[in-house]
PDB file of N, CA and C in Angstrom:
ATOM      1  N   MET A   1       1.275  -0.815  -0.433  1.00  0.00           N
ATOM      2  CA  MET A   1       0.042   0.584   0.213  1.00  0.00           C
ATOM      3  C   MET A   1       0.502   1.206  -0.596  1.00  0.00           C
ATOM      4  N   THR A   2       0.774   2.228  -0.882  1.00  0.00           N
ATOM      5  CA  THR A   2       1.508   3.087  -1.688  1.00  0.00           C
ATOM      6  C   THR A   2       0.525   4.142   0.238  1.00  0.00           C
ATOM      7  N   LYS A   3       1.381   5.497   0.455  1.00  0.00           N
ATOM      8  CA  LYS A   3       1.262   6.875   1.360  1.00  0.00           C
ATOM      9  C   LYS A   3      -0.018   7.054   1.324  1.00  0.00           C
ATOM     10  N   LYS A   4      -0.610   7.021  -0.789  1.00  0.00           N
ATOM     11  CA  LYS A   4      -1.813   7.550  -1.640  1.00  0.00           C
ATOM     12  C   LYS A   4      -2.346   7.548  -1.434  1.00  0.00           C
ATOM     13  N   GLU A   5      -2.722   5.840  -1.219  1.00  0.00           N
ATOM     14  CA  GLU A   5      -3.792   4.322  -0.456  1.00  0.00           C
ATOM     15  C   GLU A   5      -4.339   4.826   0.471  1.00  0.00           C
ATOM     16  N   SER A   6      -5.862   4.863   0.435  1.00  0.00           N
ATOM     17  CA  SER A   6      -6.070   5.600   2.527  1.00  0.00           C
ATOM     18  C   SER A   6      -6.934   3.970   2.523  1.00  0.00           C
ATOM     19  N   HIS A   7      -7.532   3.869   3.664  1.00  0.00           N
ATOM     20  CA  HIS A   7      -8.530   3.027   4.048  1.00  0.00           C
ATOM     21  C   HIS A   7      -9.852   4.326   4.357  1.00  0.00           C
ATOM     22  N   ASN A   8     -10.386   3.995   3.224  1.00  0.00           N
ATOM     23  CA  ASN A   8     -12.053   5.042   3.890  1.00  0.00           C
ATOM     24  C   ASN A   8     -13.002   4.540   5.128  1.00  0.00           C
ATOM     25  N   ILE A   9     -13.699   4.955   5.726  1.00  0.00           N
ATOM     26  CA  ILE A   9     -14.653   4.856   6.550  1.00  0.00           C
ATOM     27  C   ILE A   9     -15.485   5.557   5.893  1.00  0.00           C
ATOM     28  N   ASN A  10     -16.779   4.361   5.944  1.00  0.00           N
ATOM     29  CA  ASN A  10     -18.284   5.134   5.356  1.00  0.00           C
ATOM     30  C   ASN A  10     -18.872   4.510   7.420  1.00  0.00           C
ATOM     31  N   ILE A  11     -18.681   6.430   7.481  1.00  0.00           N
ATOM     32  CA  ILE A  11     -18.982   6.064   8.596  1.00  0.00           C
ATOM     33  C   ILE A  11     -20.984   7.193   8.899  1.00  0.00           C
ATOM     34  N   GLU A  12     -21.813   6.269   9.409  1.00  0.00           N
ATOM     35  CA  GLU A  12     -22.964   6.381   9.251  1.00  0.00           C
ATOM     36  C   GLU A  12     -23.391   7.412  10.925  1.00  0.00           C
ATOM     37  N   LEU A  13     -24.520   8.279  10.642  1.00  0.00           N
ATOM     38  CA  LEU A  13     -25.026   8.769  12.001  1.00  0.00           C
ATOM     39  C   LEU A  13     -26.665   9.387  11.674  1.00  0.00           C
ATOM     40  N   ASP A  14     -26.928   8.147  13.304  1.00  0.00           N
ATOM     41  CA  ASP A  14     -28.802   8.019  12.651  1.00  0.00           C
ATOM     42  C   ASP A  14     -28.968   9.919  13.590  1.00  0.00           C
ATOM     43  N   ASP A  15     -30.539   9.623  13.394  1.00  0.00           N
ATOM     44  CA  ASP A  15     -30.857  11.661  14.040  1.00  0.00           C
ATOM     45  C   ASP A  15     -30.869  11.181  15.578  1.00  0.00           C
ATOM     46  N   SER A  16     -31.236   9.944  16.138  1.00  0.00           N
ATOM     47  CA  SER A  16     -31.325   9.965  17.301  1.00  0.00           C
ATOM     48  C   SER A  16     -29.800  10.109  18.041  1.00  0.00           C
ATOM     49  N   THR A  17     -29.002   9.638  17.361  1.00  0.00           N
ATOM     50  CA  THR A  17     -27.152  10.245  18.128  1.00  0.00           C
ATOM     51  C   THR A  17     -26.695  11.179  17.376  1.00  0.00           C
ATOM     52  N   SER A  18     -27.338  11.992  16.950  1.00  0.00           N
ATOM     53  CA  SER A  18     -26.863  13.498  16.239  1.00  0.00           C
ATOM     54  C   SER A  18     -26.967  14.670  17.030  1.00  0.00           C
ATOM     55  N   GLN A  19     -28.656  14.444  17.596  1.00  0.00           N
ATOM     56  CA  GLN A  19     -28.751  14.955  18.949  1.00  0.00           C
ATOM     57  C   GLN A  19     -27.477  15.071  20.389  1.00  0.00           C
ATOM     58  N   GLY A  20     -26.614  13.494  20.433  1.00  0.00           N
ATOM     59  CA  GLY A  20     -25.972  13.378  21.557  1.00  0.00           C
ATOM     60  C   GLY A  20     -27.005  13.676  22.687  1.00  0.00           C
ATOM     61  N   VAL A  21     -25.565  13.779  23.728  1.00  0.00           N
ATOM     62  CA  VAL A  21     -26.022  13.914  25.140  1.00  0.00           C
ATOM     63  C   VAL A  21     -25.706  14.354  26.167  1.00  0.00           C
ATOM     64  N   TYR A  22     -26.507  15.611  26.460  1.00  0.00           N
ATOM     65  CA  TYR A  22     -25.304  16.324  27.947  1.00  0.00           C
ATOM     66  C   TYR A  22     -24.959  15.679  29.351  1.00  0.00           C
ATOM     67  N   SER A  23     -23.152  15.900  29.001  1.00  0.00           N
ATOM     68  CA  SER A  23     -22.388  15.188  30.638  1.00  0.00           C
ATOM     69  C   SER A  23     -22.150  16.049  30.953  1.00  0.00           C
ATOM     70  N   ASN A  24     -22.549  16.702  32.491  1.00  0.00           N
ATOM     71  CA  ASN A  24     -21.100  17.622  32.714  1.00  0.00           C
ATOM     72  C   ASN A  24     -20.111  16.719  33.843  1.00  0.00           C
ATOM     73  N   LEU A  25     -20.481  15.470  34.299  1.00  0.00           N
ATOM     74  CA  LEU A  25     -19.371  14.528  35.031  1.00  0.00           C
ATOM     75  C   LEU A  25     -19.190  13.252  34.334  1.00  0.00           C
ATOM     76  N   VAL A  26     -17.516  12.804  34.261  1.00  0.00           N
ATOM     77  CA  VAL A  26     -17.445  11.532  34.010  1.00  0.00           C
ATOM     78  C   VAL A  26     -16.853  10.901  35.282  1.00  0.00           C
ATOM     79  N   ILE A  27     -16.580   9.473  34.930  1.00  0.00           N
ATOM     80  CA  ILE A  27     -15.911   8.783  36.018  1.00  0.00           C
ATOM     81  C   ILE A  27     -15.200   7.662  35.438  1.00  0.00           C
ATOM     82  N   VAL A  28     -14.618   8.075  35.472  1.00  0.00           N
ATOM     83  CA  VAL A  28     -12.896   6.781  34.223  1.00  0.00           C
ATOM     84  C   VAL A  28     -12.101   6.560  35.246  1.00  0.00           C
ATOM     85  N   ASN A  29     -13.088   4.598  35.366  1.00  0.00           N
ATOM     86  CA  ASN A  29     -12.712   3.606  35.524  1.00  0.00           C
ATOM     87  C   ASN A  29     -11.923   2.241  35.206  1.00  0.00           C
ATOM     88  N   HIS A  30     -10.747   1.479  35.025  1.00  0.00           N
ATOM     89  CA  HIS A  30      -9.621   1.052  34.365  1.00  0.00           C
ATOM     90  C   HIS A  30      -9.544  -0.288  35.270  1.00  0.00           C
ATOM     91  N   SER A  31      -9.370  -1.446  34.057  1.00  0.00           N
ATOM     92  CA  SER A  31      -9.223  -3.168  34.435  1.00  0.00           C
ATOM     93  C   SER A  31      -7.652  -2.914  33.878  1.00  0.00           C
ATOM     94  N   PRO A  32      -7.010  -3.772  33.891  1.00  0.00           N
ATOM     95  CA  PRO A  32      -5.616  -4.211  33.315  1.00  0.00           C
ATOM     96  C   PRO A  32      -5.810  -4.118  31.683  1.00  0.00           C
ATOM     97  N   THR A  33      -7.670  -4.583  30.977  1.00  0.00           N
ATOM     98  CA  THR A  33      -7.511  -4.744  29.332  1.00  0.00           C
ATOM     99  C   THR A  33      -8.361  -3.519  28.723  1.00  0.00           C
ATOM    100  N   GLU A  34      -9.389  -3.003  29.797  1.00  0.00           N
ATOM    101  CA  GLU A  34     -10.172  -1.716  29.470  1.00  0.00           C
ATOM    102  C   GLU A  34     -10.535  -0.689  30.495  1.00  0.00           C
ATOM    103  N   PHE A  35     -10.256   0.941  29.803  1.00  0.00           N
ATOM    104  CA  PHE A  35     -11.439   1.886  30.415  1.00  0.00           C
ATOM    105  C   PHE A  35     -12.777   2.595  29.872  1.00  0.00           C
ATOM    106  N   VAL A  36     -13.019   2.051  31.366  1.00  0.00           N
ATOM    107  CA  VAL A  36     -14.506   2.873  30.957  1.00  0.00           C
ATOM    108  C   VAL A  36     -14.974   4.097  31.581  1.00  0.00           C
ATOM    109  N   LEU A  37     -15.581   4.595  30.265  1.00  0.00           N
ATOM    110  CA  LEU A  37     -15.467   5.862  30.699  1.00  0.00           C
ATOM    111  C   LEU A  37     -17.765   5.808  30.855  1.00  0.00           C
ATOM    112  N   ASP A  38     -18.187   6.599  32.537  1.00  0.00           N
ATOM    113  CA  ASP A  38     -19.669   6.511  32.770  1.00  0.00           C
ATOM    114  C   ASP A  38     -19.823   7.983  32.779  1.00  0.00           C
ATOM    115  N   PHE A  39     -19.942   8.502  30.973  1.00  0.00           N
ATOM    116  CA  PHE A  39     -20.914   9.777  30.794  1.00  0.00           C
ATOM    117  C   PHE A  39     -21.726  10.163  31.309  1.00  0.00           C
ATOM    118  N   ILE A  40     -22.377  11.216  32.782  1.00  0.00           N
ATOM    119  CA  ILE A  40     -23.274  10.951  33.672  1.00  0.00           C
ATOM    120  C   ILE A  40     -24.101  13.171  33.441  1.00  0.00           C
ATOM    121  N   ASN A  41     -25.001  13.053  33.563  1.00  0.00           N
ATOM    122  CA  ASN A  41     -26.195  14.050  33.551  1.00  0.00           C
ATOM    123  C   ASN A  41     -26.260  14.859  35.093  1.00  0.00           C
ATOM    124  N   VAL A  42     -25.115  15.653  35.826  1.00  0.00           N
ATOM    125  CA  VAL A  42     -26.208  16.150  37.246  1.00  0.00           C
ATOM    126  C   VAL A  42     -26.421  17.267  37.323  1.00  0.00           C
ATOM    127  N   MET A  43     -27.416  17.269  37.964  1.00  0.00           N
ATOM    128  CA  MET A  43     -28.828  18.528  38.016  1.00  0.00           C
ATOM    129  C   MET A  43     -28.221  19.203  39.704  1.00  0.00           C
ATOM    130  N   PRO A  44     -28.705  20.589  39.287  1.00  0.00           N
ATOM    131  CA  PRO A  44     -28.241  21.685  40.060  1.00  0.00           C
ATOM    132  C   PRO A  44     -30.125  20.365  41.132  1.00  0.00           C
ATOM    133  N   GLY A  45     -29.359  20.503  42.861  1.00  0.00           N
ATOM    134  CA  GLY A  45     -30.369  20.411  43.801  1.00  0.00           C
ATOM    135  C   GLY A  45     -30.894  19.268  43.455  1.00  0.00           C
ATOM    136  N   ASN A  46     -30.935  17.555  42.361  1.00  0.00           N
ATOM    137  CA  ASN A  46     -31.025  16.473  42.683  1.00  0.00           C
ATOM    138  C   ASN A  46     -30.292  15.758  42.699  1.00  0.00           C
ATOM    139  N   PRO A  47     -29.985  14.924  44.061  1.00  0.00           N
ATOM    140  CA  PRO A  47     -29.502  14.103  45.282  1.00  0.00           C
ATOM    141  C   PRO A  47     -28.726  13.096  43.549  1.00  0.00           C
ATOM    142  N   LYS A  48     -29.283  12.999  42.551  1.00  0.00           N
ATOM    143  CA  LYS A  48     -29.221  11.697  41.701  1.00  0.00           C
ATOM    144  C   LYS A  48     -29.015  11.779  40.310  1.00  0.00           C
ATOM    145  N   ALA A  49     -28.605  10.423  39.561  1.00  0.00           N
ATOM    146  CA  ALA A  49     -28.083  11.044  38.109  1.00  0.00           C
ATOM    147  C   ALA A  49     -27.971  10.424  37.571  1.00  0.00           C
ATOM    148  N   LYS A  50     -27.423   9.297  36.591  1.00  0.00           N
ATOM    149  CA  LYS A  50     -27.361   8.867  35.636  1.00  0.00           C
ATOM    150  C   LYS A  50     -26.757   8.138  34.832  1.00  0.00           C
ATOM    151  N   VAL A  51     -26.156   7.246  35.208  1.00  0.00           N
ATOM    152  CA  VAL A  51     -25.664   7.370  33.270  1.00  0.00           C
ATOM    153  C   VAL A  51     -26.025   6.796  32.529  1.00  0.00           C
ATOM    154  N   ARG A  52     -25.641   8.500  31.771  1.00  0.00           N
ATOM    155  CA  ARG A  52     -26.391   8.345  30.068  1.00  0.00           C
ATOM    156  C   ARG A  52     -25.982   8.306  28.878  1.00  0.00           C
ATOM    157  N   SER A  53     -24.338   7.403  29.403  1.00  0.00           N
ATOM    158  CA  SER A  53     -24.033   6.714  28.068  1.00  0.00           C
ATOM    159  C   SER A  53     -21.940   6.238  28.538  1.00  0.00           C
ATOM    160  N   ARG A  54     -22.028   4.895  28.349  1.00  0.00           N
ATOM    161  CA  ARG A  54     -20.765   4.437  28.964  1.00  0.00           C
ATOM    162  C   ARG A  54     -19.706   4.265  27.719  1.00  0.00           C
ATOM    163  N   ILE A  55     -18.404   3.952  28.522  1.00  0.00           N
ATOM    164  CA  ILE A  55     -17.774   4.260  26.194  1.00  0.00           C
ATOM    165  C   ILE A  55     -17.063   3.499  27.312  1.00  0.00           C
ATOM    166  N   ILE A  56     -16.763   1.939  26.430  1.00  0.00           N
ATOM    167  CA  ILE A  56     -15.496   1.064  26.564  1.00  0.00           C
ATOM    168  C   ILE A  56     -13.776   1.068  25.901  1.00  0.00           C
ATOM    169  N   LEU A  57     -13.035   0.850  25.862  1.00  0.00           N
ATOM    170  CA  LEU A  57     -11.894   1.673  25.265  1.00  0.00           C
ATOM    171  C   LEU A  57     -11.418   0.863  25.725  1.00  0.00           C
ATOM    172  N   THR A  58      -9.403   0.048  24.900  1.00  0.00           N
ATOM    173  CA  THR A  58      -9.003  -0.811  24.630  1.00  0.00           C
ATOM    174  C   THR A  58      -7.669   0.356  25.322  1.00  0.00           C
ATOM    175  N   PRO A  59      -6.494   0.060  26.559  1.00  0.00           N
ATOM    176  CA  PRO A  59      -5.693   1.600  26.682  1.00  0.00           C
ATOM    177  C   PRO A  59      -4.888   1.740  25.842  1.00  0.00           C
ATOM    178  N   GLU A  60      -4.394   1.212  24.068  1.00  0.00           N
ATOM    179  CA  GLU A  60      -3.796   1.904  22.649  1.00  0.00           C
ATOM    180  C   GLU A  60      -5.136   2.938  22.622  1.00  0.00           C
ATOM    181  N   HIS A  61      -6.392   2.590  22.575  1.00  0.00           N
ATOM    182  CA  HIS A  61      -7.645   3.370  22.336  1.00  0.00           C
ATOM    183  C   HIS A  61      -8.106   4.298  23.185  1.00  0.00           C
ATOM    184  N   THR A  62      -7.973   4.361  24.124  1.00  0.00           N
ATOM    185  CA  THR A  62      -7.421   5.173  25.785  1.00  0.00           C
ATOM    186  C   THR A  62      -6.826   6.924  25.076  1.00  0.00           C
ATOM    187  N   LYS A  63      -4.998   5.534  24.726  1.00  0.00           N
ATOM    188  CA  LYS A  63      -4.441   6.989  24.839  1.00  0.00           C
ATOM    189  C   LYS A  63      -4.367   7.698  23.712  1.00  0.00           C
ATOM    190  N   LYS A  64      -4.848   7.456  22.879  1.00  0.00           N
ATOM    191  CA  LYS A  64      -5.661   7.763  21.063  1.00  0.00           C
ATOM    192  C   LYS A  64      -6.079   9.387  21.282  1.00  0.00           C
ATOM    193  N   PHE A  65      -7.737   7.960  22.422  1.00  0.00           N
ATOM    194  CA  PHE A  65      -8.510   9.649  22.575  1.00  0.00           C
ATOM    195  C   PHE A  65      -7.801  10.895  22.993  1.00  0.00           C
ATOM    196  N   ILE A  66      -7.285  10.339  24.137  1.00  0.00           N
ATOM    197  CA  ILE A  66      -6.677  11.725  25.160  1.00  0.00           C
ATOM    198  C   ILE A  66      -5.773  12.509  24.853  1.00  0.00           C
ATOM    199  N   LYS A  67      -5.337  12.252  23.841  1.00  0.00           N
ATOM    200  CA  LYS A  67      -4.072  12.440  22.567  1.00  0.00           C
ATOM    201  C   LYS A  67      -5.133  13.495  21.430  1.00  0.00           C
ATOM    202  N   ALA A  68      -6.214  13.594  21.132  1.00  0.00           N
ATOM    203  CA  ALA A  68      -7.335  13.535  20.199  1.00  0.00           C
ATOM    204  C   ALA A  68      -7.732  15.427  20.913  1.00  0.00           C
ATOM    205  N   LEU A  69      -8.475  14.709  22.251  1.00  0.00           N
ATOM    206  CA  LEU A  69      -9.293  15.855  22.833  1.00  0.00           C
ATOM    207  C   LEU A  69      -7.822  16.485  23.292  1.00  0.00           C
ATOM    208  N   ASN A  70      -6.391  16.829  24.061  1.00  0.00           N
ATOM    209  CA  ASN A  70      -5.820  17.327  23.752  1.00  0.00           C
ATOM    210  C   ASN A  70      -6.207  18.218  22.559  1.00  0.00           C
ATOM    211  N   ASP A  71      -4.986  17.395  21.654  1.00  0.00           N
ATOM    212  CA  ASP A  71      -5.018  18.364  20.215  1.00  0.00           C
ATOM    213  C   ASP A  71      -6.322  19.166  20.140  1.00  0.00           C
ATOM    214  N   ASN A  72      -7.837  18.958  20.199  1.00  0.00           N
ATOM    215  CA  ASN A  72      -9.342  19.989  20.548  1.00  0.00           C
ATOM    216  C   ASN A  72      -9.144  20.655  21.107  1.00  0.00           C
ATOM    217  N   LEU A  73      -8.885  20.704  22.385  1.00  0.00           N
ATOM    218  CA  LEU A  73      -8.688  21.526  23.380  1.00  0.00           C
ATOM    219  C   LEU A  73      -7.779  22.307  22.696  1.00  0.00           C
ATOM    220  N   VAL A  74      -6.233  22.782  22.286  1.00  0.00           N
ATOM    221  CA  VAL A  74      -4.868  23.510  21.768  1.00  0.00           C
ATOM    222  C   VAL A  74      -5.301  23.915  21.249  1.00  0.00           C
ATOM    223  N   LYS A  75      -6.688  23.367  19.912  1.00  0.00           N
ATOM    224  CA  LYS A  75      -7.008  24.490  18.452  1.00  0.00           C
ATOM    225  C   LYS A  75      -7.720  25.356  19.662  1.00  0.00           C
ATOM    226  N   TYR A  76      -8.546  24.393  20.353  1.00  0.00           N
ATOM    227  CA  TYR A  76      -9.681  25.564  20.644  1.00  0.00           C
ATOM    228  C   TYR A  76      -9.838  27.033  21.315  1.00  0.00           C
ATOM    229  N   GLU A  77      -8.909  26.679  22.795  1.00  0.00           N
ATOM    230  CA  GLU A  77      -7.952  27.717  22.828  1.00  0.00           C
ATOM    231  C   GLU A  77      -6.956  28.743  22.193  1.00  0.00           C
ATOM    232  N   SER A  78      -7.032  27.851  20.739  1.00  0.00           N
ATOM    233  CA  SER A  78      -5.649  29.289  20.598  1.00  0.00           C
ATOM    234  C   SER A  78      -7.293  30.702  19.819  1.00  0.00           C
ATOM    235  N   LYS A  79      -8.551  29.883  19.538  1.00  0.00           N
ATOM    236  CA  LYS A  79      -8.973  30.713  19.064  1.00  0.00           C
ATOM    237  C   LYS A  79      -9.492  31.628  20.570  1.00  0.00           C
ATOM    238  N   ASN A  80      -9.996  30.236  21.128  1.00  0.00           N
ATOM    239  CA  ASN A  80     -10.802  30.985  21.474  1.00  0.00           C
ATOM    240  C   ASN A  80     -10.877  31.998  23.738  1.00  0.00           C
ATOM    241  N   GLY A  81      -9.726  31.067  22.672  1.00  0.00           N
ATOM    242  CA  GLY A  81      -9.015  31.427  23.958  1.00  0.00           C
ATOM    243  C   GLY A  81      -8.452  30.465  25.743  1.00  0.00           C
ATOM    244  N   PRO A  82      -7.952  30.420  27.310  1.00  0.00           N
ATOM    245  CA  PRO A  82      -7.511  29.874  27.797  1.00  0.00           C
ATOM    246  C   PRO A  82      -9.594  29.039  28.639  1.00  0.00           C
ATOM    247  N   VAL A  83      -8.953  27.830  28.546  1.00  0.00           N
ATOM    248  CA  VAL A  83     -10.085  27.612  29.363  1.00  0.00           C
ATOM    249  C   VAL A  83     -10.872  27.127  31.206  1.00  0.00           C
ATOM    250  N   LYS A  84     -10.919  27.628  31.738  1.00  0.00           N
ATOM    251  CA  LYS A  84     -11.088  27.869  33.259  1.00  0.00           C
ATOM    252  C   LYS A  84     -10.899  26.799  33.579  1.00  0.00           C
ATOM    253  N   ASP A  85      -9.919  26.110  35.262  1.00  0.00           N
ATOM    254  CA  ASP A  85      -9.615  25.804  35.513  1.00  0.00           C
ATOM    255  C   ASP A  85     -10.315  25.286  36.839  1.00  0.00           C
ATOM    256  N   PHE A  86     -11.588  24.514  37.853  1.00  0.00           N
ATOM    257  CA  PHE A  86     -11.994  23.734  38.194  1.00  0.00           C
ATOM    258  C   PHE A  86     -11.270  24.575  39.452  1.00  0.00           C
ATOM    259  N   LYS A  87     -11.782  25.502  40.703  1.00  0.00           N
ATOM    260  CA  LYS A  87     -11.574  25.436  42.204  1.00  0.00           C
ATOM    261  C   LYS A  87     -11.099  24.580  42.503  1.00  0.00           C
ATOM    262  N   ARG A  88     -11.525  23.360  42.737  1.00  0.00           N
ATOM    263  CA  ARG A  88     -10.864  22.164  43.498  1.00  0.00           C
ATOM    264  C   ARG A  88     -11.389  20.861  42.847  1.00  0.00           C
ATOM    265  N   ASP A  89     -10.229  19.779  43.120  1.00  0.00           N
ATOM    266  CA  ASP A  89     -10.072  18.843  42.920  1.00  0.00           C
ATOM    267  C   ASP A  89     -11.568  17.826  42.410  1.00  0.00           C
ATOM    268  N   ILE A  90     -12.958  17.894  43.228  1.00  0.00           N
ATOM    269  CA  ILE A  90     -13.881  17.735  43.251  1.00  0.00           C
ATOM    270  C   ILE A  90     -14.468  18.059  42.919  1.00  0.00           C
ATOM    271  N   ILE A  91     -15.397  17.707  42.243  1.00  0.00           N
ATOM    272  CA  ILE A  91     -16.736  18.346  42.097  1.00  0.00           C
ATOM    273  C   ILE A  91     -18.034  18.351  43.627  1.00  0.00           C
ATOM    274  N   PRO A  92     -18.653  18.649  44.120  1.00  0.00           N
ATOM    275  CA  PRO A  92     -19.870  18.561  44.779  1.00  0.00           C
ATOM    276  C   PRO A  92     -20.691  17.175  44.077  1.00  0.00           C
ATOM    277  N   LEU A  93     -21.311  16.343  44.108  1.00  0.00           N
ATOM    278  CA  LEU A  93     -22.464  15.647  42.730  1.00  0.00           C
ATOM    279  C   LEU A  93     -23.606  16.408  44.120  1.00  0.00           C
ATOM    280  N   ASN A  94     -23.613  17.481  44.491  1.00  0.00           N
ATOM    281  CA  ASN A  94     -24.877  18.122  44.979  1.00  0.00           C
ATOM    282  C   ASN A  94     -25.207  19.518  45.418  1.00  0.00           C
ATOM    283  N   PHE A  95     -23.759  19.802  44.016  1.00  0.00           N
ATOM    284  CA  PHE A  95     -24.200  21.282  43.829  1.00  0.00           C
ATOM    285  C   PHE A  95     -25.764  21.686  43.596  1.00  0.00           C
ATOM    286  N   GLY A  96     -25.682  23.252  42.839  1.00  0.00           N
ATOM    287  CA  GLY A  96     -27.227  24.156  43.036  1.00  0.00           C
ATOM    288  C   GLY A  96     -27.469  24.212  44.220  1.00  0.00           C
ATOM    289  N   PRO A  97     -28.893  25.494  44.339  1.00  0.00           N
ATOM    290  CA  PRO A  97     -29.004  25.612  44.790  1.00  0.00           C
ATOM    291  C   PRO A  97     -29.915  24.879  45.940  1.00  0.00           C
ATOM    292  N   LYS A  98     -30.410  24.622  47.623  1.00  0.00           N
ATOM    293  CA  LYS A  98     -30.896  24.025  48.891  1.00  0.00           C
ATOM    294  C   LYS A  98     -32.557  24.486  48.716  1.00  0.00           C
ATOM    295  N   ALA A  99     -33.400  24.296  48.683  1.00  0.00           N
ATOM    296  CA  ALA A  99     -34.946  24.232  48.439  1.00  0.00           C
ATOM    297  C   ALA A  99     -34.431  24.900  49.919  1.00  0.00           C
ATOM    298  N   GLU A 100     -35.435  26.249  51.115  1.00  0.00           N
ATOM    299  CA  GLU A 100     -35.683  26.255  52.466  1.00  0.00           C
ATOM    300  C   GLU A 100     -37.320  26.356  51.876  1.00  0.00           C
ATOM    301  N   ALA A 101     -37.823  25.942  53.070  1.00  0.00           N
ATOM    302  CA  ALA A 101     -39.333  26.849  52.906  1.00  0.00           C
ATOM    303  C   ALA A 101     -39.228  28.144  53.823  1.00  0.00           C
TER     304      ALA A 101
END
């Protein structure tokens, strides 16, 4: 195979998937053979949250994923300025206003 030849993949995106799923928290776990990313949408004042999407990656694909995210973040920040870091290392799961009577 020469450098000019390439393998094209026809990637399809159905209407439901194209809408995406909002997530403001991700929990990452790993085993010797895989990384598991649970994407969660935590709502203010609600003590319960559901995993909205789970992605399972091999360690090799995890490394490629991190590189792709970093490359895109660098491009984003060069155009839009730096993204602020969270002030705390741990995001409280009970953030938001508390109801009072």
